[in-house]
Each structure stands twice: as structure tokens, then as C-alpha cells.
Amino acid sequence: MNHSIYSADRMTHLKIVVVALFAGILVAGFGIAAHNSSDEGYTQTARVMKAGKPVAITSSSNSLVR
């Protein structure tokens, strides 16, 4: 058994690549399977706002002291 990746032989590197590839496929498969594919409640509808009468917005910055 090789305890260092630098002194590992070709078969050890191949095993590491195969295990990493298998783990990646598993994670991707789990992510695809867990994805909720129903579109109910997630659809967006376009809301059109039409211009109406002009509105004046005012603010009073006067402080009231009694």
C-alpha cells in the first residue's frame, strides 16, 4: 500500500480516478433526482401597470416643539 500520492503506482491513480468519477456521478444523479420538476406555483404572470392621474407626494420636515 502506498501512503503517498507521489510514490503511488498507476493502478492506485486509476482507482482514485474511478472512485472520484463514481462519486461525482452519484452526487449529480442525486441532484437531478431531488430536483422538483413540477411547475405548479412557480409560474410568473406579467402584470401591466398603466399610468393614471399624476400624484403629488409631499413631506413636511418641520419639527413640532411644544
N, C-alpha and C. Protein backbone atom coordinates (compact mmCIF):
# COMPACT_ATOMS: atom_id res chain seq x y z
N MET A 1 0.84 -1.17 0.00
CA MET A 1 0.00 0.00 0.00
C MET A 1 0.88 1.24 0.00
N ASN A 2 0.53 2.19 -0.85
CA ASN A 2 1.29 3.43 -0.94
C ASN A 2 0.63 4.49 -0.08
N HIS A 3 1.42 5.12 0.75
CA HIS A 3 0.88 6.15 1.63
C HIS A 3 1.08 7.56 1.08
N SER A 4 1.71 7.67 -0.05
CA SER A 4 1.94 8.97 -0.66
C SER A 4 1.43 8.93 -2.10
N ILE A 5 0.79 9.99 -2.53
CA ILE A 5 0.29 10.05 -3.89
C ILE A 5 1.44 10.18 -4.88
N TYR A 6 2.58 10.69 -4.43
CA TYR A 6 3.73 10.86 -5.32
C TYR A 6 4.39 9.53 -5.65
N SER A 7 4.40 8.60 -4.71
CA SER A 7 5.05 7.32 -4.96
C SER A 7 4.06 6.23 -5.36
N ALA A 8 2.81 6.60 -5.60
CA ALA A 8 1.80 5.60 -5.95
C ALA A 8 2.01 5.12 -7.38
N ASP A 9 1.63 3.90 -7.63
CA ASP A 9 1.79 3.36 -8.97
C ASP A 9 0.55 3.71 -9.82
N ARG A 10 0.55 3.25 -11.03
CA ARG A 10 -0.51 3.60 -11.98
C ARG A 10 -1.87 3.07 -11.55
N MET A 11 -1.93 1.88 -11.00
CA MET A 11 -3.21 1.30 -10.57
C MET A 11 -3.84 2.09 -9.42
N THR A 12 -3.01 2.60 -8.52
CA THR A 12 -3.54 3.41 -7.42
C THR A 12 -4.16 4.70 -7.95
N HIS A 13 -3.48 5.33 -8.90
CA HIS A 13 -4.03 6.54 -9.51
C HIS A 13 -5.34 6.23 -10.24
N LEU A 14 -5.38 5.11 -10.92
CA LEU A 14 -6.59 4.72 -11.63
C LEU A 14 -7.74 4.48 -10.66
N LYS A 15 -7.47 3.84 -9.54
CA LYS A 15 -8.52 3.61 -8.53
C LYS A 15 -9.05 4.93 -7.99
N ILE A 16 -8.17 5.88 -7.74
CA ILE A 16 -8.59 7.19 -7.23
C ILE A 16 -9.48 7.90 -8.25
N VAL A 17 -9.10 7.85 -9.52
CA VAL A 17 -9.89 8.50 -10.56
C VAL A 17 -11.26 7.83 -10.69
N VAL A 18 -11.31 6.52 -10.63
CA VAL A 18 -12.57 5.79 -10.76
C VAL A 18 -13.49 6.10 -9.59
N VAL A 19 -12.96 6.11 -8.38
CA VAL A 19 -13.78 6.41 -7.20
C VAL A 19 -14.29 7.85 -7.25
N ALA A 20 -13.45 8.79 -7.67
CA ALA A 20 -13.88 10.19 -7.78
C ALA A 20 -14.95 10.35 -8.85
N LEU A 21 -14.78 9.66 -9.98
CA LEU A 21 -15.78 9.74 -11.04
C LEU A 21 -17.11 9.14 -10.60
N PHE A 22 -17.06 8.02 -9.91
CA PHE A 22 -18.27 7.39 -9.40
C PHE A 22 -18.97 8.29 -8.39
N ALA A 23 -18.20 8.91 -7.50
CA ALA A 23 -18.80 9.81 -6.50
C ALA A 23 -19.43 11.03 -7.18
N GLY A 24 -18.77 11.56 -8.21
CA GLY A 24 -19.34 12.69 -8.94
C GLY A 24 -20.63 12.35 -9.64
N ILE A 25 -20.68 11.17 -10.24
CA ILE A 25 -21.91 10.73 -10.90
C ILE A 25 -23.02 10.53 -9.88
N LEU A 26 -22.68 9.99 -8.72
CA LEU A 26 -23.67 9.80 -7.67
C LEU A 26 -24.25 11.13 -7.20
N VAL A 27 -23.39 12.11 -6.97
CA VAL A 27 -23.85 13.43 -6.50
C VAL A 27 -24.71 14.09 -7.57
N ALA A 28 -24.28 14.02 -8.83
CA ALA A 28 -25.07 14.63 -9.90
C ALA A 28 -26.41 13.92 -10.05
N GLY A 29 -26.42 12.59 -9.94
CA GLY A 29 -27.68 11.84 -10.03
C GLY A 29 -28.62 12.18 -8.90
N PHE A 30 -28.08 12.32 -7.69
CA PHE A 30 -28.91 12.70 -6.56
C PHE A 30 -29.48 14.10 -6.74
N GLY A 31 -28.68 15.02 -7.26
CA GLY A 31 -29.17 16.38 -7.50
C GLY A 31 -30.26 16.43 -8.54
N ILE A 32 -30.12 15.64 -9.59
CA ILE A 32 -31.16 15.60 -10.63
C ILE A 32 -32.43 14.95 -10.10
N ALA A 33 -32.27 13.89 -9.32
CA ALA A 33 -33.44 13.20 -8.78
C ALA A 33 -34.16 14.05 -7.74
N ALA A 34 -33.45 14.87 -7.01
CA ALA A 34 -34.07 15.69 -5.97
C ALA A 34 -34.69 16.95 -6.52
N HIS A 35 -34.42 17.26 -7.78
CA HIS A 35 -34.96 18.48 -8.38
C HIS A 35 -36.47 18.35 -8.53
N ASN A 36 -37.19 19.37 -8.08
CA ASN A 36 -38.64 19.38 -8.19
C ASN A 36 -39.01 19.85 -9.59
N SER A 37 -39.56 18.97 -10.38
CA SER A 37 -39.84 19.31 -11.77
C SER A 37 -41.25 19.86 -11.98
N SER A 38 -42.08 19.88 -10.96
CA SER A 38 -43.43 20.42 -11.15
C SER A 38 -43.36 21.95 -11.14
N ASP A 39 -44.07 22.54 -12.07
CA ASP A 39 -44.06 23.99 -12.20
C ASP A 39 -45.25 24.65 -11.52
N GLU A 40 -45.97 23.93 -10.71
CA GLU A 40 -47.15 24.49 -10.06
C GLU A 40 -46.72 25.51 -9.01
N GLY A 41 -47.27 26.69 -9.10
CA GLY A 41 -46.99 27.71 -8.11
C GLY A 41 -45.73 28.51 -8.39
N TYR A 42 -44.98 28.13 -9.40
CA TYR A 42 -43.75 28.84 -9.68
C TYR A 42 -43.83 29.66 -10.95
N THR A 43 -44.97 29.63 -11.62
CA THR A 43 -45.09 30.39 -12.85
C THR A 43 -45.34 31.85 -12.51
N GLN A 44 -44.78 32.70 -13.32
CA GLN A 44 -44.95 34.14 -13.12
C GLN A 44 -45.85 34.68 -14.20
N THR A 45 -46.73 35.57 -13.80
CA THR A 45 -47.61 36.21 -14.77
C THR A 45 -47.19 37.66 -14.89
N ALA A 46 -47.34 38.18 -16.09
CA ALA A 46 -46.96 39.57 -16.34
C ALA A 46 -48.07 40.47 -15.84
N ARG A 47 -47.70 41.44 -15.02
CA ARG A 47 -48.67 42.42 -14.53
C ARG A 47 -48.35 43.76 -15.20
N VAL A 48 -49.35 44.31 -15.85
CA VAL A 48 -49.16 45.55 -16.57
C VAL A 48 -49.72 46.68 -15.72
N MET A 49 -48.90 47.69 -15.50
CA MET A 49 -49.35 48.87 -14.76
C MET A 49 -49.47 50.02 -15.75
N LYS A 50 -50.66 50.58 -15.81
CA LYS A 50 -50.88 51.69 -16.72
C LYS A 50 -50.81 52.99 -15.93
N ALA A 51 -50.35 54.01 -16.58
CA ALA A 51 -50.24 55.31 -15.94
C ALA A 51 -51.62 55.90 -15.72
N GLY A 52 -51.83 56.43 -14.53
CA GLY A 52 -53.10 57.05 -14.21
C GLY A 52 -52.92 58.55 -14.06
N LYS A 53 -53.66 59.12 -13.15
CA LYS A 53 -53.55 60.55 -12.90
C LYS A 53 -52.26 60.84 -12.15
N PRO A 54 -51.69 62.02 -12.36
CA PRO A 54 -50.47 62.38 -11.63
C PRO A 54 -50.74 62.51 -10.13
N VAL A 55 -49.80 62.14 -9.33
CA VAL A 55 -49.93 62.18 -7.89
C VAL A 55 -48.81 63.04 -7.35
N ALA A 56 -49.16 63.94 -6.43
CA ALA A 56 -48.16 64.80 -5.80
C ALA A 56 -47.84 64.22 -4.43
N ILE A 57 -46.58 63.96 -4.19
CA ILE A 57 -46.14 63.45 -2.89
C ILE A 57 -45.38 64.54 -2.18
N THR A 58 -45.83 64.87 -0.99
CA THR A 58 -45.17 65.92 -0.24
C THR A 58 -44.76 65.37 1.12
N SER A 59 -43.78 66.02 1.68
CA SER A 59 -43.36 65.64 3.03
C SER A 59 -43.06 66.93 3.80
N SER A 60 -43.30 66.88 5.06
CA SER A 60 -43.05 68.03 5.89
C SER A 60 -41.90 67.69 6.84
N SER A 61 -40.87 68.49 6.77
CA SER A 61 -39.71 68.23 7.63
C SER A 61 -39.68 69.20 8.81
N ASN A 62 -40.79 69.86 9.05
CA ASN A 62 -40.88 70.78 10.17
C ASN A 62 -41.04 69.98 11.46
N SER A 63 -40.26 70.32 12.46
CA SER A 63 -40.40 69.63 13.75
C SER A 63 -41.34 70.44 14.63
N LEU A 64 -42.17 69.75 15.36
CA LEU A 64 -43.15 70.39 16.21
C LEU A 64 -42.61 70.39 17.65
N VAL A 65 -42.47 71.61 18.21
CA VAL A 65 -41.98 71.73 19.59
C VAL A 65 -43.06 72.41 20.40
N ARG A 66 -43.45 71.78 21.50
CA ARG A 66 -44.47 72.39 22.36
C ARG A 66 -43.88 72.78 23.68
